[in-house]
Amino acid sequence: MNPLLLIELDGKGLMEAPKSEAWEEAHEIYLMNNKISKLPDNPNCPLLSKLFFQGNLHLRVISLSFFQFMPILQILNLSQTRIKSLPKSLFKLVQLRKFILRSCELFKELPVEIGELCHLGVLDLKDTEIINLPVSIGKLIKLTSLKVSFYLPTNGKRKKDPTSRIIPQNVISRLSQLEELSIDVNPEDERWNATIKDVLKELCCLNRLHFLKLYLPEVLLLNDLRNLSWMYFRFIVGDHLKRIVSRLPHESVIIFEEEESCLKYVNGVGIPIEIKEVLRHATVFFLDRHLTATSLSEFGAKNMENLKFCVLQECKEIEAIVNVNDGADGDVRLHSLEYLSVHYMKNLRSICKGQSFPPWSCTLLFLKVLKLYSCPQLTTIFTWDLVEILDNLEELVVEDCPEINSLVMLTAKPSWRRWRHLRKLKKVSLHYMPKLVSIFGGEWIAESLEWLSFYDCPSLKILYSDEVHNSALKVITGETDWWSALKWKGSEGLGQQNLDDIFIPIDKDIDLRTQLAAINDQLQAQIQITEPTKQSGWFSISLR
């Protein structure tokens, strides 16, 4: 078998599709990520089993007879095209097993003929603009995966009409082979409030289901879900309005979309038992705009034992991430937490609060990544207790936290002997920090540091040799005038002149995110050349 491979190279996409004659002997055709605007009218493809056409943004129309002579086509991908409708000939593809129509933003209506694709196992309609599903979807009894996004109708009456349903009754329950079900809706779409209750009832018939994505406008609806212990899930719980533009870094959004079992709790009040029960099975917890919680510890350490990733955003009452006084017997441990990202927390004062704690009781013991964005009242990041405990921390990002003057608390320093601390910390990014005067208070910390990024830190006028002492350091970024005016303290012979080779200036007239991404790419390329056996990809840039 010799597949016909027509793949975009170096950003130079094809402007035209192959002539009809070229299709006749093809078993698989790859035409993704090109600039094709027109396909042949009715190519003869008796051997074609796979057709990949995603990423052709210029394609708007497919001829009515295009699929007429593709009798054994099994996989079809038309994602990220501009098509508005599907040709009638497509519904003659009775051998089709997988149909992907993802991110077709002009596609608004799924024809009733979709039910004729009797062997279809995978149907992906994520990020389209369809308004509802036809009843004929229930005929696709071999479906194992259904992913769909529903668009909010512009017709006001339709939006508020409780009889206008997104998914007809008794459709989901007919799809008894479903293993994956993903439903995205606009939280402002009032039709979903009636539809979701029927969907939850019908889910009981799906004994093969192992992945479920749903929006649940009310916490009490979680009571209708069972057997979460053997199911991966992605739940958004709580009544809210859809944001036009996300305020989160792209990385945090991706985590919620890709990890195994995720819970997002929005506009919550108190700590409902239903949330605690789901949280017990979650590996990702996104707490968004909670109205009453004063610390993450209030959700109970035992309920977060499986948690690997946690994102907190706009929780106005939270003053500390960890409050030792909120844990049973002072135990606020999170045994699995590796990633903590905090955003727009206007009352956050510190990471940890409460009496001094022994190492075994610290919830951040296994933390690898800590990111803090736009916390105007935050004054303390690391106490000396934390510095001694965070042996696994690899990356720290602090941005727009104007009250921070040092990463390590400069006062109340204990008389501890010189030893290794934060020894796995490789990357530190400090941006928009007007009062920052010191990184680690001049102490010998972070012996494995490889990346130091500064921007808009006007009070940071002195660097200590002990803070940048190690030979592993590969990159320092910052403004040129800041670097030139910088003064050094510490060991003789180690100062600016020895670090000029790794300093990369930031241009104030160019977007910071763009520049750091470019520096990151250059660094990865260098690592691949100089250390080919080292796994690449560690240096990932995450900005607000």
Protein backbone atom coordinates (compact mmCIF):
# COMPACT_ATOMS: atom_id res chain seq x y z
CA MET A 1 0.00 0.00 0.00
CA ASN A 2 1.39 3.37 -1.03
CA PRO A 3 -0.51 6.18 0.68
CA LEU A 4 -0.72 9.47 -1.14
CA LEU A 5 1.00 11.94 1.19
CA LEU A 6 0.43 15.61 0.50
CA ILE A 7 1.46 17.36 3.70
CA GLU A 8 2.19 21.03 4.30
CA LEU A 9 5.94 21.61 4.57
CA ASP A 10 7.64 24.63 6.10
CA GLY A 11 4.39 26.60 6.18
CA LYS A 12 3.89 26.44 2.36
CA GLY A 13 0.44 24.91 2.06
CA LEU A 14 -1.05 23.51 -1.14
CA MET A 15 -3.37 25.90 -2.95
CA GLU A 16 -5.09 23.19 -4.99
CA ALA A 17 -6.15 19.62 -4.31
CA PRO A 18 -4.74 16.82 -6.48
CA LYS A 19 -6.57 16.13 -9.72
CA SER A 20 -9.24 13.44 -9.65
CA GLU A 21 -6.95 10.91 -11.38
CA ALA A 22 -4.53 11.02 -8.44
CA TRP A 23 -7.20 9.82 -6.05
CA GLU A 24 -8.00 6.53 -7.80
CA GLU A 25 -5.18 4.39 -6.39
CA ALA A 26 -4.95 6.03 -2.97
CA HIS A 27 -5.61 4.11 0.21
CA GLU A 28 -4.96 7.05 2.55
CA ILE A 29 -4.92 10.74 1.68
CA TYR A 30 -3.38 13.41 3.94
CA LEU A 31 -4.16 16.98 2.90
CA MET A 32 -4.17 18.64 6.30
CA ASN A 33 -2.96 22.18 7.06
CA ASN A 34 -3.00 23.51 3.53
CA LYS A 35 -4.78 26.37 1.77
CA ILE A 36 -7.06 24.33 -0.43
CA SER A 37 -10.37 26.06 -1.21
CA LYS A 38 -11.90 23.59 -3.67
CA LEU A 39 -12.09 19.81 -3.89
CA PRO A 40 -12.78 17.68 -6.98
CA ASP A 41 -16.49 17.25 -7.70
CA ASN A 42 -16.71 13.46 -7.49
CA PRO A 43 -13.34 11.69 -7.40
CA ASN A 44 -13.33 7.94 -7.89
CA CYS A 45 -11.72 6.44 -4.78
CA PRO A 46 -12.53 2.71 -4.63
CA LEU A 47 -9.58 1.97 -2.30
CA LEU A 48 -9.70 5.02 -0.03
CA SER A 49 -10.12 4.20 3.67
CA LYS A 50 -8.75 7.36 5.33
CA LEU A 51 -9.11 11.03 4.37
CA PHE A 52 -7.53 13.75 6.52
CA PHE A 53 -8.41 17.29 5.51
CA GLN A 54 -8.25 19.22 8.79
CA GLY A 55 -6.74 22.68 8.92
CA ASN A 56 -7.79 23.86 5.45
CA LEU A 57 -9.33 27.16 6.51
CA HIS A 58 -10.08 28.24 2.95
CA LEU A 59 -12.49 25.38 2.28
CA ARG A 60 -16.10 26.55 2.51
CA VAL A 61 -18.09 24.19 0.26
CA ILE A 62 -17.87 20.50 -0.60
CA SER A 63 -19.65 19.41 -3.78
CA LEU A 64 -22.84 17.38 -3.35
CA SER A 65 -21.36 14.28 -5.00
CA PHE A 66 -17.83 14.44 -3.53
CA PHE A 67 -18.21 11.29 -1.38
CA GLN A 68 -20.24 9.35 -3.94
CA PHE A 69 -17.44 6.98 -5.00
CA MET A 70 -15.71 6.29 -1.68
CA PRO A 71 -17.38 3.00 -0.75
CA ILE A 72 -14.93 1.86 1.96
CA LEU A 73 -14.01 5.19 3.60
CA GLN A 74 -13.67 4.57 7.34
CA ILE A 75 -12.00 7.69 8.77
CA LEU A 76 -12.88 11.27 7.77
CA ASN A 77 -11.47 14.43 9.36
CA LEU A 78 -12.85 17.79 8.22
CA SER A 79 -11.87 19.73 11.34
CA GLN A 80 -10.87 23.41 11.22
CA THR A 81 -12.48 24.11 7.87
CA ARG A 82 -15.07 26.76 6.99
CA ILE A 83 -17.77 24.43 5.81
CA LYS A 84 -21.33 25.32 6.78
CA SER A 85 -23.08 22.13 5.75
CA LEU A 86 -22.41 18.52 4.76
CA PRO A 87 -23.12 17.14 1.26
CA LYS A 88 -25.78 14.44 0.88
CA SER A 89 -23.24 11.98 -0.50
CA LEU A 90 -21.47 11.87 2.87
CA PHE A 91 -24.38 10.01 4.42
CA LYS A 92 -23.88 7.14 1.95
CA LEU A 93 -20.58 6.29 3.63
CA VAL A 94 -22.00 3.28 5.43
CA GLN A 95 -18.51 1.98 6.30
CA LEU A 96 -17.53 5.20 8.10
CA ARG A 97 -16.20 4.48 11.59
CA LYS A 98 -14.75 7.82 12.66
CA PHE A 99 -16.03 11.27 11.70
CA ILE A 100 -14.26 14.33 13.12
CA LEU A 101 -15.70 17.79 12.54
CA ARG A 102 -13.95 19.65 15.35
CA SER A 103 -13.59 23.46 15.42
CA CYS A 104 -15.75 24.11 12.36
CA GLU A 105 -17.05 27.43 13.64
CA LEU A 106 -19.50 28.02 10.77
CA PHE A 107 -21.15 24.61 11.00
CA LYS A 108 -24.53 25.10 12.70
CA GLU A 109 -26.83 22.17 11.97
CA LEU A 110 -26.30 18.42 11.98
CA PRO A 111 -28.64 16.86 9.36
CA VAL A 112 -31.05 14.12 10.38
CA GLU A 113 -29.33 11.87 7.82
CA ILE A 114 -26.47 11.44 10.29
CA GLY A 115 -28.41 8.44 11.59
CA GLU A 116 -27.68 6.58 8.31
CA LEU A 117 -24.01 6.15 9.26
CA CYS A 118 -24.84 2.89 10.98
CA HIS A 119 -21.25 1.79 11.68
CA LEU A 120 -20.08 5.09 13.12
CA GLY A 121 -18.08 4.61 16.31
CA VAL A 122 -16.59 8.08 16.88
CA LEU A 123 -18.38 11.38 16.29
CA ASP A 124 -16.52 14.55 17.28
CA LEU A 125 -18.46 17.83 16.98
CA LYS A 126 -16.48 19.75 19.58
CA ASP A 127 -16.25 23.55 19.05
CA THR A 128 -18.84 23.71 16.29
CA GLU A 129 -21.90 25.97 16.44
CA ILE A 130 -24.69 23.43 16.28
CA ILE A 131 -27.75 24.35 18.31
CA ASN A 132 -29.05 20.86 19.09
CA LEU A 133 -28.80 17.19 18.17
CA PRO A 134 -31.36 15.50 15.92
CA VAL A 135 -33.35 12.52 17.24
CA SER A 136 -31.67 10.35 14.60
CA ILE A 137 -28.44 10.38 16.65
CA GLY A 138 -30.12 7.66 18.67
CA LYS A 139 -29.77 5.33 15.66
CA LEU A 140 -25.98 5.34 15.97
CA ILE A 141 -25.98 2.39 18.34
CA LYS A 142 -22.32 1.57 17.67
CA LEU A 143 -21.06 4.93 18.91
CA THR A 144 -18.32 4.56 21.49
CA SER A 145 -17.31 8.24 21.58
CA LEU A 146 -19.52 11.32 21.27
CA LYS A 147 -18.10 14.81 21.75
CA VAL A 148 -20.28 17.81 21.06
CA SER A 149 -20.37 21.57 21.72
CA PHE A 150 -23.65 23.48 21.61
CA TYR A 151 -23.97 27.08 20.50
CA LEU A 152 -26.19 29.54 22.32
CA PRO A 153 -29.13 30.44 20.02
CA THR A 154 -29.44 34.09 19.08
CA ASN A 155 -33.22 33.72 19.00
CA GLY A 156 -34.33 34.84 22.46
CA LYS A 157 -37.53 32.77 22.46
CA ARG A 158 -35.67 29.62 21.58
CA LYS A 159 -33.11 30.31 24.28
CA LYS A 160 -35.73 30.56 27.01
CA ASP A 161 -38.26 28.02 25.71
CA PRO A 162 -38.10 25.06 28.11
CA THR A 163 -39.54 22.78 25.42
CA SER A 164 -36.67 23.58 23.07
CA ARG A 165 -34.17 20.86 23.97
CA ILE A 166 -30.49 20.58 23.24
CA ILE A 167 -30.59 16.78 23.27
CA PRO A 168 -33.91 14.99 22.65
CA GLN A 169 -35.15 12.69 25.38
CA ASN A 170 -34.16 9.00 25.25
CA VAL A 171 -31.32 9.60 22.79
CA ILE A 172 -28.39 9.20 25.17
CA SER A 173 -29.85 6.05 26.71
CA ARG A 174 -29.94 4.36 23.27
CA LEU A 175 -26.20 4.76 22.82
CA SER A 176 -25.43 1.78 25.02
CA GLN A 177 -21.89 1.30 23.66
CA LEU A 178 -20.72 4.77 24.66
CA GLU A 179 -17.38 4.84 26.43
CA GLU A 180 -16.74 8.59 26.11
CA LEU A 181 -19.31 11.38 26.36
CA SER A 182 -18.30 15.04 26.27
CA ILE A 183 -20.92 17.81 26.22
CA ASP A 184 -19.94 21.48 26.14
CA VAL A 185 -22.65 24.11 26.57
CA ASN A 186 -22.82 27.84 27.10
CA PRO A 187 -23.71 28.33 30.79
CA GLU A 188 -26.13 31.07 29.75
CA ASP A 189 -28.19 28.65 27.66
CA GLU A 190 -31.33 28.08 29.74
CA ARG A 191 -32.34 25.04 27.67
CA TRP A 192 -29.57 23.09 29.38
CA ASN A 193 -31.19 23.42 32.80
CA ALA A 194 -34.02 21.15 31.65
CA THR A 195 -31.89 18.91 29.45
CA ILE A 196 -29.23 18.06 32.03
CA LYS A 197 -31.66 16.33 34.40
CA ASP A 198 -32.76 13.90 31.68
CA VAL A 199 -29.18 13.34 30.55
CA LEU A 200 -28.14 12.39 34.08
CA LYS A 201 -30.99 9.87 34.32
CA GLU A 202 -30.11 8.31 30.98
CA LEU A 203 -26.44 7.97 31.92
CA CYS A 204 -27.43 5.12 34.21
CA CYS A 205 -27.97 2.99 31.10
CA LEU A 206 -24.39 3.45 29.88
CA ASN A 207 -22.51 0.64 31.59
CA ARG A 208 -19.42 1.03 29.39
CA LEU A 209 -18.93 4.74 30.07
CA HIS A 210 -15.47 5.55 31.42
CA PHE A 211 -15.13 9.26 30.54
CA LEU A 212 -17.73 11.98 31.12
CA LYS A 213 -17.54 15.74 30.59
CA LEU A 214 -20.51 17.85 31.72
CA TYR A 215 -21.51 21.29 32.94
CA LEU A 216 -23.65 21.05 36.09
CA PRO A 217 -25.28 24.38 36.96
CA GLU A 218 -26.31 23.17 40.44
CA VAL A 219 -24.21 21.37 43.04
CA LEU A 220 -27.08 19.05 43.95
CA LEU A 221 -26.99 17.51 40.48
CA LEU A 222 -23.81 15.73 41.53
CA ASN A 223 -26.02 13.43 43.62
CA ASP A 224 -27.28 11.86 40.38
CA LEU A 225 -23.78 10.71 39.40
CA ARG A 226 -22.48 7.38 40.59
CA ASN A 227 -19.36 5.22 40.30
CA LEU A 228 -16.88 8.06 39.88
CA SER A 229 -14.16 5.83 41.32
CA TRP A 230 -13.78 3.96 38.01
CA MET A 231 -14.58 6.87 35.68
CA TYR A 232 -12.51 9.76 34.36
CA PHE A 233 -14.47 13.00 34.43
CA ARG A 234 -14.31 16.70 33.69
CA PHE A 235 -17.02 18.59 35.58
CA ILE A 236 -17.75 22.31 35.75
CA VAL A 237 -20.07 22.91 38.69
CA GLY A 238 -21.85 26.16 39.56
CA ASP A 239 -23.95 28.83 37.92
CA HIS A 240 -21.83 31.39 36.08
CA LEU A 241 -21.48 33.51 32.99
CA LYS A 242 -19.12 32.50 30.21
CA ARG A 243 -16.00 34.64 29.99
CA ILE A 244 -15.37 36.29 26.64
CA VAL A 245 -11.62 36.10 27.20
CA SER A 246 -9.97 33.76 29.68
CA ARG A 247 -7.77 35.46 32.28
CA LEU A 248 -5.76 32.30 32.83
CA PRO A 249 -2.47 31.43 31.16
CA HIS A 250 -2.94 28.96 28.35
CA GLU A 251 -1.05 26.31 30.29
CA SER A 252 -3.64 26.26 33.10
CA VAL A 253 -6.48 25.89 30.60
CA ILE A 254 -4.70 23.01 28.88
CA ILE A 255 -4.24 21.19 32.18
CA PHE A 256 -7.99 21.22 32.79
CA GLU A 257 -8.65 19.96 29.26
CA GLU A 258 -6.10 17.16 29.26
CA GLU A 259 -5.81 15.66 32.73
CA GLU A 260 -7.75 12.60 33.78
CA SER A 261 -10.30 13.66 36.39
CA CYS A 262 -11.00 17.37 36.77
CA LEU A 263 -13.38 19.40 38.91
CA LYS A 264 -14.01 23.10 38.38
CA TYR A 265 -16.14 24.73 41.06
CA VAL A 266 -17.43 28.20 40.16
CA ASN A 267 -19.10 30.87 42.31
CA GLY A 268 -19.41 28.52 45.24
CA VAL A 269 -20.62 29.29 48.74
CA GLY A 270 -19.43 27.12 51.60
CA ILE A 271 -17.98 23.63 51.12
CA PRO A 272 -20.85 21.32 50.05
CA ILE A 273 -20.54 17.63 50.83
CA GLU A 274 -21.20 16.87 47.15
CA ILE A 275 -18.09 18.82 46.13
CA LYS A 276 -16.01 17.02 48.73
CA GLU A 277 -17.18 13.64 47.44
CA VAL A 278 -16.20 14.42 43.83
CA LEU A 279 -12.95 16.01 44.98
CA ARG A 280 -11.91 12.69 46.49
CA HIS A 281 -11.59 11.29 42.95
CA ALA A 282 -10.16 14.39 41.23
CA THR A 283 -6.59 14.84 40.06
CA VAL A 284 -7.25 18.48 39.06
CA PHE A 285 -9.17 21.07 41.10
CA PHE A 286 -9.95 24.50 39.69
CA LEU A 287 -11.55 26.78 42.29
CA ASP A 288 -12.93 29.82 40.49
CA ARG A 289 -14.47 32.85 42.25
CA HIS A 290 -15.41 31.07 45.46
CA LEU A 291 -17.27 33.51 47.69
CA THR A 292 -16.55 32.34 51.24
CA ALA A 293 -13.54 30.04 51.54
CA THR A 294 -10.57 31.56 53.40
CA SER A 295 -8.08 28.80 52.52
CA LEU A 296 -7.77 25.72 50.35
CA SER A 297 -7.43 23.68 53.54
CA GLU A 298 -11.14 24.16 54.24
CA PHE A 299 -11.90 21.54 51.58
CA GLY A 300 -10.15 18.92 53.72
CA ALA A 301 -6.81 17.26 53.07
CA LYS A 302 -8.40 13.81 53.02
CA ASN A 303 -10.65 14.92 50.18
CA MET A 304 -7.63 16.01 48.10
CA GLU A 305 -5.35 13.02 48.49
CA ASN A 306 -5.36 12.33 44.72
CA LEU A 307 -4.90 15.95 43.72
CA LYS A 308 -1.93 16.66 41.40
CA PHE A 309 -2.91 20.06 39.98
CA CYS A 310 -4.69 22.95 41.65
CA VAL A 311 -5.65 26.31 40.14
CA LEU A 312 -7.18 29.09 42.27
CA GLN A 313 -8.68 32.20 40.70
CA GLU A 314 -10.45 35.27 42.07
CA CYS A 315 -11.38 33.79 45.44
CA LYS A 316 -11.77 37.08 47.27
CA GLU A 317 -11.81 35.76 50.85
CA ILE A 318 -8.78 33.50 50.67
CA GLU A 319 -5.94 34.89 52.78
CA ALA A 320 -3.68 31.82 52.76
CA ILE A 321 -3.48 28.74 50.57
CA VAL A 322 -2.74 26.48 53.51
CA ASN A 323 -4.08 27.16 56.98
CA VAL A 324 -2.67 24.70 59.49
CA ASN A 325 -5.53 25.51 61.87
CA ASP A 326 -8.06 24.22 59.31
CA GLY A 327 -6.58 20.73 59.24
CA ALA A 328 -7.43 17.89 61.62
CA ASP A 329 -4.64 17.73 64.20
CA GLY A 330 -2.71 20.24 62.11
CA ASP A 331 -2.48 17.79 59.19
CA VAL A 332 -3.06 19.66 55.93
CA ARG A 333 -0.99 17.37 53.73
CA LEU A 334 -1.74 16.88 50.05
CA HIS A 335 0.18 13.73 49.25
CA SER A 336 0.05 14.15 45.47
CA LEU A 337 -0.02 17.91 44.81
CA GLU A 338 2.66 18.86 42.26
CA TYR A 339 1.32 21.99 40.57
CA LEU A 340 -0.24 25.06 42.22
CA SER A 341 -1.23 28.14 40.23
CA VAL A 342 -2.86 31.17 41.89
CA HIS A 343 -4.48 34.09 40.01
CA TYR A 344 -6.06 37.43 40.94
CA MET A 345 -6.45 36.80 44.66
CA LYS A 346 -6.95 40.25 46.10
CA ASN A 347 -6.75 39.27 49.80
CA LEU A 348 -4.07 36.58 49.67
CA ARG A 349 -1.41 37.39 52.29
CA SER A 350 0.72 34.26 52.48
CA ILE A 351 1.10 30.73 51.21
CA CYS A 352 0.94 29.14 54.64
CA LYS A 353 -0.76 30.40 57.77
CA GLY A 354 -0.88 29.15 61.32
CA GLN A 355 1.52 27.92 63.92
CA SER A 356 4.90 26.57 62.94
CA PHE A 357 4.49 23.08 61.56
CA PRO A 358 6.71 20.00 61.37
CA PRO A 359 7.75 18.82 57.88
CA TRP A 360 5.39 15.85 57.84
CA SER A 361 2.33 18.12 58.15
CA CYS A 362 3.11 20.44 55.22
CA THR A 363 0.65 20.27 52.35
CA LEU A 364 3.28 21.44 49.83
CA LEU A 365 5.87 18.77 50.54
CA PHE A 366 5.79 17.31 47.01
CA LEU A 367 5.11 20.52 45.10
CA LYS A 368 7.06 20.88 41.83
CA VAL A 369 5.57 24.05 40.31
CA LEU A 370 4.33 27.18 42.11
CA LYS A 371 2.90 30.13 40.14
CA LEU A 372 1.53 33.34 41.65
CA TYR A 373 -0.15 35.99 39.49
CA SER A 374 -1.67 39.33 40.47
CA CYS A 375 -1.92 39.01 44.25
CA PRO A 376 -1.77 42.65 45.45
CA GLN A 377 -1.68 41.90 49.21
CA LEU A 378 0.72 38.96 49.12
CA THR A 379 3.72 39.73 51.33
CA THR A 380 5.19 36.32 52.10
CA ILE A 381 6.01 33.47 49.73
CA PHE A 382 8.59 31.34 51.55
CA THR A 383 9.09 31.27 55.26
CA TRP A 384 12.25 29.54 56.43
CA ASP A 385 10.11 26.56 57.45
CA LEU A 386 8.92 26.20 53.86
CA VAL A 387 12.39 26.66 52.39
CA GLU A 388 13.58 23.67 54.37
CA ILE A 389 10.63 21.54 53.22
CA LEU A 390 10.18 22.23 49.50
CA ASP A 391 12.83 19.81 48.28
CA ASN A 392 10.86 18.94 45.14
CA LEU A 393 10.11 22.46 43.85
CA GLU A 394 11.39 22.88 40.26
CA GLU A 395 9.74 26.03 38.98
CA LEU A 396 8.60 29.31 40.54
CA VAL A 397 6.75 32.12 38.75
CA VAL A 398 5.76 35.33 40.54
CA GLU A 399 4.11 38.15 38.57
CA ASP A 400 2.37 41.34 39.50
CA CYS A 401 2.67 40.86 43.26
CA PRO A 402 3.63 44.42 44.25
CA GLU A 403 4.19 43.90 48.00
CA ILE A 404 6.81 41.17 47.72
CA ASN A 405 10.33 42.35 48.59
CA SER A 406 12.02 38.94 48.69
CA LEU A 407 11.10 35.37 47.84
CA VAL A 408 12.35 34.29 51.26
CA MET A 409 11.15 36.11 54.34
CA LEU A 410 13.92 38.53 55.29
CA THR A 411 12.93 38.73 58.95
CA ALA A 412 12.72 36.05 61.63
CA LYS A 413 15.59 34.08 60.13
CA PRO A 414 16.51 31.12 62.35
CA SER A 415 20.08 30.27 63.23
CA TRP A 416 20.28 27.29 60.94
CA ARG A 417 23.55 26.00 59.55
CA ARG A 418 24.47 26.51 55.91
CA TRP A 419 22.95 23.64 53.95
CA ARG A 420 21.24 22.91 50.63
CA HIS A 421 17.72 24.27 50.16
CA LEU A 422 15.34 24.27 47.18
CA ARG A 423 17.97 22.05 45.60
CA LYS A 424 15.76 21.00 42.65
CA LEU A 425 14.61 24.52 41.78
CA LYS A 426 15.68 25.14 38.19
CA LYS A 427 13.53 28.00 36.97
CA VAL A 428 12.58 31.33 38.58
CA SER A 429 10.58 34.03 36.75
CA LEU A 430 9.95 37.37 38.50
CA HIS A 431 7.98 39.99 36.57
CA TYR A 432 6.26 43.26 37.51
CA MET A 433 7.58 43.32 41.08
CA PRO A 434 8.08 46.99 42.04
CA LYS A 435 9.27 46.36 45.63
CA LEU A 436 11.46 43.33 45.05
CA VAL A 437 14.93 44.02 46.50
CA SER A 438 16.28 40.49 46.86
CA ILE A 439 15.79 37.02 45.43
CA PHE A 440 16.78 34.79 48.33
CA GLY A 441 18.02 37.38 50.79
CA GLY A 442 21.59 36.78 49.68
CA GLU A 443 21.51 33.14 50.85
CA TRP A 444 22.98 30.13 49.09
CA ILE A 445 19.75 28.56 47.83
CA ALA A 446 18.68 26.73 44.65
CA GLU A 447 21.95 25.14 43.65
CA SER A 448 20.45 23.70 40.42
CA LEU A 449 19.08 27.01 39.11
CA GLU A 450 19.16 27.16 35.28
CA TRP A 451 16.78 30.00 34.41
CA LEU A 452 16.35 33.48 35.93
CA SER A 453 13.90 35.86 34.30
CA PHE A 454 13.40 39.45 35.50
CA TYR A 455 11.19 42.20 34.11
CA ASP A 456 10.00 45.47 35.61
CA CYS A 457 11.68 44.95 38.99
CA PRO A 458 13.02 48.49 39.50
CA SER A 459 14.01 48.05 43.17
CA LEU A 460 16.14 45.00 42.49
CA LYS A 461 19.47 46.79 42.26
CA ILE A 462 21.76 44.24 43.91
CA LEU A 463 22.37 40.57 43.18
CA TYR A 464 24.34 38.38 45.54
CA SER A 465 26.90 35.96 44.17
CA ASP A 466 25.46 33.18 46.32
CA GLU A 467 22.09 33.59 44.59
CA VAL A 468 23.54 32.88 41.13
CA HIS A 469 26.56 30.88 42.19
CA ASN A 470 26.06 27.65 40.30
CA SER A 471 27.50 26.50 36.99
CA ALA A 472 24.12 25.16 35.84
CA LEU A 473 22.73 28.65 35.18
CA LYS A 474 22.02 28.95 31.44
CA VAL A 475 19.86 32.06 31.02
CA ILE A 476 19.27 35.41 32.74
CA THR A 477 16.76 37.77 31.14
CA GLY A 478 15.94 41.40 31.92
CA GLU A 479 16.07 44.96 30.61
CA THR A 480 19.45 46.10 29.32
CA ASP A 481 19.57 49.28 31.43
CA TRP A 482 18.65 47.31 34.56
CA TRP A 483 21.44 44.80 33.89
CA SER A 484 23.99 47.55 33.26
CA ALA A 485 23.17 49.32 36.53
CA LEU A 486 23.14 46.14 38.61
CA LYS A 487 25.55 45.89 41.55
CA TRP A 488 27.02 42.70 42.95
CA LYS A 489 27.83 41.50 46.43
CA GLY A 490 29.54 38.37 47.60
CA SER A 491 32.41 36.24 46.39
CA GLU A 492 35.08 37.99 44.42
CA GLY A 493 35.48 36.97 40.81
CA LEU A 494 31.80 36.14 40.32
CA GLY A 495 29.81 39.07 39.05
CA GLN A 496 28.18 40.58 36.03
CA GLN A 497 31.21 40.26 33.78
CA ASN A 498 31.11 36.47 34.18
CA LEU A 499 27.40 36.27 33.38
CA ASP A 500 27.20 38.58 30.36
CA ASP A 501 27.40 35.58 28.03
CA ILE A 502 24.13 34.13 29.34
CA PHE A 503 22.26 37.43 29.73
CA ILE A 504 19.52 37.98 27.13
CA PRO A 505 17.99 41.48 27.01
CA ILE A 506 14.23 42.06 26.99
CA ASP A 507 12.95 44.70 24.56
CA LYS A 508 10.36 46.93 26.22
CA ASP A 509 8.62 47.55 22.91
CA ILE A 510 7.97 43.87 22.20
CA ASP A 511 5.47 41.63 24.00
CA LEU A 512 7.19 39.93 26.93
CA ARG A 513 5.41 36.63 26.34
CA THR A 514 6.58 36.53 22.74
CA GLN A 515 10.19 37.23 23.66
CA LEU A 516 10.38 34.65 26.43
CA ALA A 517 8.81 32.03 24.16
CA ALA A 518 11.53 32.72 21.57
CA ILE A 519 14.27 32.51 24.23
CA ASN A 520 12.74 29.26 25.42
CA ASP A 521 12.84 27.80 21.90
CA GLN A 522 16.47 28.81 21.47
CA LEU A 523 17.40 27.26 24.79
CA GLN A 524 15.68 23.98 23.98
CA ALA A 525 17.46 23.85 20.64
CA GLN A 526 20.77 24.44 22.39
CA ILE A 527 20.05 21.72 24.94
CA GLN A 528 19.23 19.25 22.17
CA ILE A 529 22.54 19.99 20.49
CA THR A 530 24.75 19.95 23.57
CA GLU A 531 22.89 17.29 25.54
CA PRO A 532 21.21 14.98 23.01
CA THR A 533 20.49 12.33 25.60
CA LYS A 534 18.67 14.72 27.94
CA GLN A 535 14.90 14.79 27.66
CA SER A 536 13.83 18.04 26.03
CA GLY A 537 10.81 20.18 26.82
CA TRP A 538 11.40 21.02 30.47
CA PHE A 539 11.65 24.78 29.89
CA SER A 540 8.01 25.70 29.31
CA ILE A 541 7.14 29.41 29.46
CA SER A 542 4.02 30.31 31.42
CA LEU A 543 2.94 33.95 31.59
CA ARG A 544 -0.20 35.71 32.54
